[in-house]
PDB file of all heavy atoms in Angstrom:
ATOM      1  N   GLY A   1     108.115 104.946 126.202  1.00  0.00           N
ATOM      2  CA  GLY A   1     109.272 105.782 125.844  1.00  0.00           C
ATOM      3  C   GLY A   1     110.569 105.192 126.244  1.00  0.00           C
ATOM      4  O   GLY A   1     111.562 105.733 125.894  1.00  0.00           O
ATOM      5  N   ASP A   2     110.542 104.011 126.921  1.00  0.00           N
ATOM      6  CA  ASP A   2     111.836 103.478 127.363  1.00  0.00           C
ATOM      7  C   ASP A   2     112.441 102.533 126.307  1.00  0.00           C
ATOM      8  O   ASP A   2     113.508 101.995 126.489  1.00  0.00           O
ATOM      9  CB  ASP A   2     111.566 102.615 128.639  1.00  0.00           C
ATOM     10  CG  ASP A   2     111.231 103.473 129.784  1.00  0.00           C
ATOM     11  OD1 ASP A   2     111.438 104.702 129.840  1.00  0.00           O
ATOM     12  OD2 ASP A   2     110.555 102.901 130.726  1.00  0.00           O
ATOM     13  N   TYR A   3     111.700 102.355 125.166  1.00  0.00           N
ATOM     14  CA  TYR A   3     112.186 101.348 124.177  1.00  0.00           C
ATOM     15  C   TYR A   3     112.464 101.973 122.842  1.00  0.00           C
ATOM     16  O   TYR A   3     111.796 102.941 122.392  1.00  0.00           O
ATOM     17  CB  TYR A   3     111.036 100.297 124.044  1.00  0.00           C
ATOM     18  CG  TYR A   3     110.817  99.552 125.317  1.00  0.00           C
ATOM     19  CD1 TYR A   3     109.844  99.975 126.273  1.00  0.00           C
ATOM     20  CD2 TYR A   3     111.605  98.458 125.728  1.00  0.00           C
ATOM     21  CE1 TYR A   3     109.628  99.320 127.480  1.00  0.00           C
ATOM     22  CE2 TYR A   3     111.417  97.817 126.888  1.00  0.00           C
ATOM     23  CZ  TYR A   3     110.465  98.255 127.726  1.00  0.00           C
ATOM     24  OH  TYR A   3     110.364  97.579 128.963  1.00  0.00           O
ATOM     25  N   ASP A   4     113.441 101.326 122.124  1.00  0.00           N
ATOM     26  CA  ASP A   4     113.732 101.636 120.833  1.00  0.00           C
ATOM     27  C   ASP A   4     112.732 101.133 119.808  1.00  0.00           C
ATOM     28  O   ASP A   4     112.328 101.769 118.867  1.00  0.00           O
ATOM     29  CB  ASP A   4     115.111 101.139 120.326  1.00  0.00           C
ATOM     30  CG  ASP A   4     116.243 101.707 121.271  1.00  0.00           C
ATOM     31  OD1 ASP A   4     116.404 102.934 121.397  1.00  0.00           O
ATOM     32  OD2 ASP A   4     116.979 100.889 121.849  1.00  0.00           O
ATOM     33  N   LEU A   5     112.283  99.882 120.098  1.00  0.00           N
ATOM     34  CA  LEU A   5     111.418  99.194 119.201  1.00  0.00           C
ATOM     35  C   LEU A   5     110.354  98.450 119.947  1.00  0.00           C
ATOM     36  O   LEU A   5     110.645  97.856 121.008  1.00  0.00           O
ATOM     37  CB  LEU A   5     112.198  98.194 118.280  1.00  0.00           C
ATOM     38  CG  LEU A   5     111.251  97.522 117.262  1.00  0.00           C
ATOM     39  CD1 LEU A   5     111.721  97.749 115.821  1.00  0.00           C
ATOM     40  CD2 LEU A   5     111.093  96.089 117.641  1.00  0.00           C
ATOM     41  N   VAL A   6     109.115  98.405 119.468  1.00  0.00           N
ATOM     42  CA  VAL A   6     107.981  97.749 120.025  1.00  0.00           C
ATOM     43  C   VAL A   6     107.348  96.848 119.046  1.00  0.00           C
ATOM     44  O   VAL A   6     107.115  97.157 117.953  1.00  0.00           O
ATOM     45  CB  VAL A   6     106.925  98.781 120.596  1.00  0.00           C
ATOM     46  CG1 VAL A   6     105.719  97.999 121.160  1.00  0.00           C
ATOM     47  CG2 VAL A   6     107.502  99.712 121.612  1.00  0.00           C
ATOM     48  N   LEU A   7     107.150  95.569 119.467  1.00  0.00           N
ATOM     49  CA  LEU A   7     106.380  94.583 118.729  1.00  0.00           C
ATOM     50  C   LEU A   7     104.917  94.681 119.211  1.00  0.00           C
ATOM     51  O   LEU A   7     104.675  94.358 120.356  1.00  0.00           O
ATOM     52  CB  LEU A   7     106.929  93.192 118.923  1.00  0.00           C
ATOM     53  CG  LEU A   7     108.271  92.831 118.344  1.00  0.00           C
ATOM     54  CD1 LEU A   7     108.806  91.558 118.922  1.00  0.00           C
ATOM     55  CD2 LEU A   7     108.141  92.639 116.806  1.00  0.00           C
ATOM     56  N   ALA A   8     104.012  95.073 118.256  1.00  0.00           N
ATOM     57  CA  ALA A   8     102.614  95.345 118.687  1.00  0.00           C
ATOM     58  C   ALA A   8     101.797  95.345 117.462  1.00  0.00           C
ATOM     59  O   ALA A   8     102.176  95.296 116.339  1.00  0.00           O
ATOM     60  CB  ALA A   8     102.516  96.650 119.392  1.00  0.00           C
ATOM     61  N   GLN A   9     100.502  95.286 117.690  1.00  0.00           N
ATOM     62  CA  GLN A   9      99.446  95.307 116.600  1.00  0.00           C
ATOM     63  C   GLN A   9      98.372  96.231 117.022  1.00  0.00           C
ATOM     64  O   GLN A   9      98.235  96.746 118.138  1.00  0.00           O
ATOM     65  CB  GLN A   9      98.819  93.959 116.341  1.00  0.00           C
ATOM     66  CG  GLN A   9      97.988  93.493 117.523  1.00  0.00           C
ATOM     67  CD  GLN A   9      97.200  92.209 117.281  1.00  0.00           C
ATOM     68  OE1 GLN A   9      96.924  91.919 116.139  1.00  0.00           O
ATOM     69  NE2 GLN A   9      96.838  91.443 118.386  1.00  0.00           N
ATOM     70  N   GLY A  10      97.603  96.744 115.954  1.00  0.00           N
ATOM     71  CA  GLY A  10      96.400  97.495 116.130  1.00  0.00           C
ATOM     72  C   GLY A  10      96.636  98.764 116.934  1.00  0.00           C
ATOM     73  O   GLY A  10      97.562  99.536 116.763  1.00  0.00           O
ATOM     74  N   ARG A  11      95.725  98.975 117.900  1.00  0.00           N
ATOM     75  CA  ARG A  11      95.797 100.257 118.720  1.00  0.00           C
ATOM     76  C   ARG A  11      97.107 100.299 119.488  1.00  0.00           C
ATOM     77  O   ARG A  11      97.655 101.359 119.644  1.00  0.00           O
ATOM     78  CB  ARG A  11      94.601 100.252 119.665  1.00  0.00           C
ATOM     79  CG  ARG A  11      94.556 101.509 120.590  1.00  0.00           C
ATOM     80  CD  ARG A  11      93.397 101.288 121.546  1.00  0.00           C
ATOM     81  NE  ARG A  11      93.402 102.524 122.424  1.00  0.00           N
ATOM     82  CZ  ARG A  11      92.632 103.584 122.265  1.00  0.00           C
ATOM     83  NH1 ARG A  11      91.827 103.641 121.190  1.00  0.00           N
ATOM     84  NH2 ARG A  11      92.687 104.617 123.025  1.00  0.00           N
ATOM     85  N   SER A  12      97.644  99.152 119.992  1.00  0.00           N
ATOM     86  CA  SER A  12      98.891  99.222 120.720  1.00  0.00           C
ATOM     87  C   SER A  12     100.024  99.672 119.845  1.00  0.00           C
ATOM     88  O   SER A  12     100.855 100.354 120.328  1.00  0.00           O
ATOM     89  CB  SER A  12      99.148  97.716 121.312  1.00  0.00           C
ATOM     90  OG  SER A  12      98.244  97.299 122.201  1.00  0.00           O
ATOM     91  N   ALA A  13     100.043  99.262 118.640  1.00  0.00           N
ATOM     92  CA  ALA A  13     101.074  99.748 117.645  1.00  0.00           C
ATOM     93  C   ALA A  13     100.932 101.255 117.489  1.00  0.00           C
ATOM     94  O   ALA A  13     101.998 101.926 117.466  1.00  0.00           O
ATOM     95  CB  ALA A  13     100.916  99.043 116.328  1.00  0.00           C
ATOM     96  N   ILE A  14      99.758 101.735 117.383  1.00  0.00           N
ATOM     97  CA  ILE A  14      99.513 103.211 117.234  1.00  0.00           C
ATOM     98  C   ILE A  14     100.011 104.001 118.459  1.00  0.00           C
ATOM     99  O   ILE A  14     100.687 105.030 118.397  1.00  0.00           O
ATOM    100  CB  ILE A  14      98.044 103.510 117.000  1.00  0.00           C
ATOM    101  CG1 ILE A  14      97.651 102.901 115.617  1.00  0.00           C
ATOM    102  CG2 ILE A  14      97.823 105.041 116.823  1.00  0.00           C
ATOM    103  CD1 ILE A  14      96.150 102.888 115.432  1.00  0.00           C
ATOM    104  N   GLU A  15      99.748 103.478 119.654  1.00  0.00           N
ATOM    105  CA  GLU A  15     100.173 104.089 120.835  1.00  0.00           C
ATOM    106  C   GLU A  15     101.747 104.158 120.913  1.00  0.00           C
ATOM    107  O   GLU A  15     102.327 105.168 121.218  1.00  0.00           O
ATOM    108  CB  GLU A  15      99.635 103.255 122.087  1.00  0.00           C
ATOM    109  CG  GLU A  15      98.189 103.420 122.245  1.00  0.00           C
ATOM    110  CD  GLU A  15      97.604 102.437 123.287  1.00  0.00           C
ATOM    111  OE1 GLU A  15      98.436 101.489 123.760  1.00  0.00           O
ATOM    112  OE2 GLU A  15      96.417 102.599 123.647  1.00  0.00           O
ATOM    113  N   ALA A  16     102.401 103.036 120.536  1.00  0.00           N
ATOM    114  CA  ALA A  16     103.835 102.968 120.521  1.00  0.00           C
ATOM    115  C   ALA A  16     104.401 103.991 119.575  1.00  0.00           C
ATOM    116  O   ALA A  16     105.395 104.645 119.845  1.00  0.00           O
ATOM    117  CB  ALA A  16     104.303 101.614 120.222  1.00  0.00           C
ATOM    118  N   MET A  17     103.862 104.095 118.336  1.00  0.00           N
ATOM    119  CA  MET A  17     104.391 105.006 117.380  1.00  0.00           C
ATOM    120  C   MET A  17     104.185 106.450 117.830  1.00  0.00           C
ATOM    121  O   MET A  17     104.966 107.307 117.648  1.00  0.00           O
ATOM    122  CB  MET A  17     103.713 104.793 116.007  1.00  0.00           C
ATOM    123  CG  MET A  17     104.282 103.566 115.274  1.00  0.00           C
ATOM    124  SD  MET A  17     103.549 103.214 113.681  1.00  0.00           S
ATOM    125  CE  MET A  17     101.974 102.429 114.161  1.00  0.00           C
ATOM    126  N   ALA A  18     102.968 106.771 118.382  1.00  0.00           N
ATOM    127  CA  ALA A  18     102.671 108.061 118.904  1.00  0.00           C
ATOM    128  C   ALA A  18     103.753 108.422 119.979  1.00  0.00           C
ATOM    129  O   ALA A  18     104.097 109.633 120.090  1.00  0.00           O
ATOM    130  CB  ALA A  18     101.319 108.138 119.481  1.00  0.00           C
ATOM    131  N   ALA A  19     104.141 107.522 120.776  1.00  0.00           N
ATOM    132  CA  ALA A  19     105.159 107.735 121.718  1.00  0.00           C
ATOM    133  C   ALA A  19     106.512 107.907 121.207  1.00  0.00           C
ATOM    134  O   ALA A  19     107.480 108.281 122.006  1.00  0.00           O
ATOM    135  CB  ALA A  19     105.087 106.611 122.831  1.00  0.00           C
ATOM    136  N   GLY A  20     106.762 107.618 119.903  1.00  0.00           N
ATOM    137  CA  GLY A  20     108.007 107.856 119.255  1.00  0.00           C
ATOM    138  C   GLY A  20     108.841 106.620 119.027  1.00  0.00           C
ATOM    139  O   GLY A  20     109.921 106.745 118.475  1.00  0.00           O
ATOM    140  N   ALA A  21     108.338 105.439 119.446  1.00  0.00           N
ATOM    141  CA  ALA A  21     109.185 104.215 119.266  1.00  0.00           C
ATOM    142  C   ALA A  21     108.984 103.742 117.878  1.00  0.00           C
ATOM    143  O   ALA A  21     108.012 104.001 117.145  1.00  0.00           O
ATOM    144  CB  ALA A  21     108.696 103.149 120.228  1.00  0.00           C
ATOM    145  N   SER A  22     109.988 102.971 117.413  1.00  0.00           N
ATOM    146  CA  SER A  22     109.925 102.231 116.163  1.00  0.00           C
ATOM    147  C   SER A  22     109.051 101.014 116.433  1.00  0.00           C
ATOM    148  O   SER A  22     109.055 100.493 117.589  1.00  0.00           O
ATOM    149  CB  SER A  22     111.333 101.781 115.724  1.00  0.00           C
ATOM    150  OG  SER A  22     111.241 101.112 114.464  1.00  0.00           O
ATOM    151  N   VAL A  23     108.279 100.555 115.442  1.00  0.00           N
ATOM    152  CA  VAL A  23     107.302  99.533 115.609  1.00  0.00           C
ATOM    153  C   VAL A  23     107.408  98.442 114.469  1.00  0.00           C
ATOM    154  O   VAL A  23     107.514  98.898 113.290  1.00  0.00           O
ATOM    155  CB  VAL A  23     105.866 100.088 115.606  1.00  0.00           C
ATOM    156  CG1 VAL A  23     104.805  98.930 115.544  1.00  0.00           C
ATOM    157  CG2 VAL A  23     105.569 100.794 116.925  1.00  0.00           C
ATOM    158  N   MET A  24     107.435  97.220 114.951  1.00  0.00           N
ATOM    159  CA  MET A  24     107.162  96.091 114.016  1.00  0.00           C
ATOM    160  C   MET A  24     105.888  95.453 114.305  1.00  0.00           C
ATOM    161  O   MET A  24     105.701  95.213 115.542  1.00  0.00           O
ATOM    162  CB  MET A  24     108.346  95.079 114.106  1.00  0.00           C
ATOM    163  CG  MET A  24     108.183  93.858 113.194  1.00  0.00           C
ATOM    164  SD  MET A  24     109.498  92.677 113.264  1.00  0.00           S
ATOM    165  CE  MET A  24     108.663  91.199 112.608  1.00  0.00           C
ATOM    166  N   ILE A  25     105.057  95.162 113.390  1.00  0.00           N
ATOM    167  CA  ILE A  25     103.789  94.592 113.604  1.00  0.00           C
ATOM    168  C   ILE A  25     103.889  93.148 114.062  1.00  0.00           C
ATOM    169  O   ILE A  25     104.613  92.294 113.410  1.00  0.00           O
ATOM    170  CB  ILE A  25     102.822  94.716 112.425  1.00  0.00           C
ATOM    171  CG1 ILE A  25     102.608  96.184 112.122  1.00  0.00           C
ATOM    172  CG2 ILE A  25     101.495  94.068 112.709  1.00  0.00           C
ATOM    173  CD1 ILE A  25     101.906  96.421 110.779  1.00  0.00           C
ATOM    174  N   GLY A  26     103.192  92.740 115.130  1.00  0.00           N
ATOM    175  CA  GLY A  26     103.172  91.363 115.538  1.00  0.00           C
ATOM    176  C   GLY A  26     101.970  91.043 116.309  1.00  0.00           C
ATOM    177  O   GLY A  26     101.407  91.916 117.024  1.00  0.00           O
ATOM    178  N   SER A  27     101.472  89.852 116.174  1.00  0.00           N
ATOM    179  CA  SER A  27     100.330  89.441 117.017  1.00  0.00           C
ATOM    180  C   SER A  27     100.592  88.061 117.588  1.00  0.00           C
ATOM    181  O   SER A  27     101.726  87.564 117.376  1.00  0.00           O
ATOM    182  CB  SER A  27      99.066  89.361 116.164  1.00  0.00           C
ATOM    183  OG  SER A  27      99.036  88.246 115.295  1.00  0.00           O
ATOM    184  N   SER A  28      99.663  87.385 118.091  1.00  0.00           N
ATOM    185  CA  SER A  28      99.896  86.000 118.575  1.00  0.00           C
ATOM    186  C   SER A  28      99.710  85.003 117.425  1.00  0.00           C
ATOM    187  O   SER A  28      99.949  83.762 117.648  1.00  0.00           O
ATOM    188  CB  SER A  28      98.881  85.614 119.671  1.00  0.00           C
ATOM    189  OG  SER A  28      97.518  85.854 119.199  1.00  0.00           O
ATOM    190  N   ARG A  29      99.425  85.432 116.156  1.00  0.00           N
ATOM    191  CA  ARG A  29      99.232  84.530 115.097  1.00  0.00           C
ATOM    192  C   ARG A  29     100.342  84.570 114.030  1.00  0.00           C
ATOM    193  O   ARG A  29     100.734  83.598 113.410  1.00  0.00           O
ATOM    194  CB  ARG A  29      97.894  84.803 114.459  1.00  0.00           C
ATOM    195  CG  ARG A  29      96.727  84.411 115.312  1.00  0.00           C
ATOM    196  CD  ARG A  29      95.435  84.673 114.541  1.00  0.00           C
ATOM    197  NE  ARG A  29      95.314  86.089 114.147  1.00  0.00           N
ATOM    198  CZ  ARG A  29      94.794  87.029 114.892  1.00  0.00           C
ATOM    199  NH1 ARG A  29      94.335  86.690 116.098  1.00  0.00           N
ATOM    200  NH2 ARG A  29      94.707  88.282 114.471  1.00  0.00           N
ATOM    201  N   ALA A  30     100.783  85.859 113.720  1.00  0.00           N
ATOM    202  CA  ALA A  30     101.683  86.078 112.650  1.00  0.00           C
ATOM    203  C   ALA A  30     102.319  87.479 112.834  1.00  0.00           C
ATOM    204  O   ALA A  30     101.959  88.262 113.654  1.00  0.00           O
ATOM    205  CB  ALA A  30     100.979  86.049 111.304  1.00  0.00           C
ATOM    206  N   PHE A  31     103.453  87.647 112.064  1.00  0.00           N
ATOM    207  CA  PHE A  31     104.125  88.958 112.075  1.00  0.00           C
ATOM    208  C   PHE A  31     103.785  89.757 110.887  1.00  0.00           C
ATOM    209  O   PHE A  31     103.378  89.288 109.841  1.00  0.00           O
ATOM    210  CB  PHE A  31     105.672  88.695 112.078  1.00  0.00           C
ATOM    211  CG  PHE A  31     106.175  88.175 113.391  1.00  0.00           C
ATOM    212  CD1 PHE A  31     107.086  87.121 113.348  1.00  0.00           C
ATOM    213  CD2 PHE A  31     105.778  88.613 114.596  1.00  0.00           C
ATOM    214  CE1 PHE A  31     107.672  86.593 114.486  1.00  0.00           C
ATOM    215  CE2 PHE A  31     106.243  88.108 115.839  1.00  0.00           C
ATOM    216  CZ  PHE A  31     107.120  87.108 115.774  1.00  0.00           C
ATOM    217  N   GLY A  32     104.033  91.055 111.044  1.00  0.00           N
ATOM    218  CA  GLY A  32     103.919  91.985 109.891  1.00  0.00           C
ATOM    219  C   GLY A  32     105.221  92.768 109.747  1.00  0.00           C
ATOM    220  O   GLY A  32     106.167  92.488 110.555  1.00  0.00           O
ATOM    221  N   PRO A  33     105.298  93.753 108.844  1.00  0.00           N
ATOM    222  CA  PRO A  33     106.479  94.380 108.644  1.00  0.00           C
ATOM    223  C   PRO A  33     106.927  95.448 109.656  1.00  0.00           C
ATOM    224  O   PRO A  33     106.115  95.845 110.491  1.00  0.00           O
ATOM    225  CB  PRO A  33     106.243  95.086 107.255  1.00  0.00           C
ATOM    226  CG  PRO A  33     104.784  95.336 107.272  1.00  0.00           C
ATOM    227  CD  PRO A  33     104.187  94.178 107.974  1.00  0.00           C
ATOM    228  N   LEU A  34     108.184  95.852 109.559  1.00  0.00           N
ATOM    229  CA  LEU A  34     108.647  97.063 110.310  1.00  0.00           C
ATOM    230  C   LEU A  34     107.917  98.242 109.685  1.00  0.00           C
ATOM    231  O   LEU A  34     107.877  98.398 108.480  1.00  0.00           O
ATOM    232  CB  LEU A  34     110.131  97.191 110.129  1.00  0.00           C
ATOM    233  CG  LEU A  34     110.765  98.417 110.823  1.00  0.00           C
ATOM    234  CD1 LEU A  34     110.778  98.210 112.329  1.00  0.00           C
ATOM    235  CD2 LEU A  34     112.237  98.568 110.298  1.00  0.00           C
ATOM    236  N   VAL A  35     107.407  99.138 110.520  1.00  0.00           N
ATOM    237  CA  VAL A  35     106.628 100.297 109.986  1.00  0.00           C
ATOM    238  C   VAL A  35     107.717 101.345 109.647  1.00  0.00           C
ATOM    239  O   VAL A  35     108.507 101.744 110.379  1.00  0.00           O
ATOM    240  CB  VAL A  35     105.662 100.806 111.023  1.00  0.00           C
ATOM    241  CG1 VAL A  35     104.901 102.056 110.419  1.00  0.00           C
ATOM    242  CG2 VAL A  35     104.705  99.743 111.478  1.00  0.00           C
ATOM    243  N   ARG A  36     107.555 101.807 108.336  1.00  0.00           N
ATOM    244  CA  ARG A  36     108.534 102.770 107.739  1.00  0.00           C
ATOM    245  C   ARG A  36     107.766 103.965 107.102  1.00  0.00           C
ATOM    246  O   ARG A  36     106.551 103.806 106.930  1.00  0.00           O
ATOM    247  CB  ARG A  36     109.382 102.091 106.741  1.00  0.00           C
ATOM    248  CG  ARG A  36     110.125 100.828 107.194  1.00  0.00           C
ATOM    249  CD  ARG A  36     110.932 100.170 106.014  1.00  0.00           C
ATOM    250  NE  ARG A  36     110.123 100.053 104.786  1.00  0.00           N
ATOM    251  CZ  ARG A  36     109.452  98.950 104.511  1.00  0.00           C
ATOM    252  NH1 ARG A  36     109.441  97.974 105.377  1.00  0.00           N
ATOM    253  NH2 ARG A  36     108.719  98.929 103.441  1.00  0.00           N
ATOM    254  N   PRO A  37     108.433 104.996 106.836  1.00  0.00           N
ATOM    255  CA  PRO A  37     107.719 106.107 106.170  1.00  0.00           C
ATOM    256  C   PRO A  37     107.007 105.702 104.879  1.00  0.00           C
ATOM    257  O   PRO A  37     106.006 106.250 104.506  1.00  0.00           O
ATOM    258  CB  PRO A  37     108.849 107.133 105.913  1.00  0.00           C
ATOM    259  CG  PRO A  37     109.812 106.865 107.014  1.00  0.00           C
ATOM    260  CD  PRO A  37     109.822 105.332 107.164  1.00  0.00           C
TER     261      PRO A  37
END
């Protein structure tokens, strides 16, 4: 809840979105898009 945006993947990304943060997908291999409606 302390962050505007979180770089995460998979379950971690879901946790961040559930907490209300904006999320851009990222892993240790490649990036994904900013999650939008």
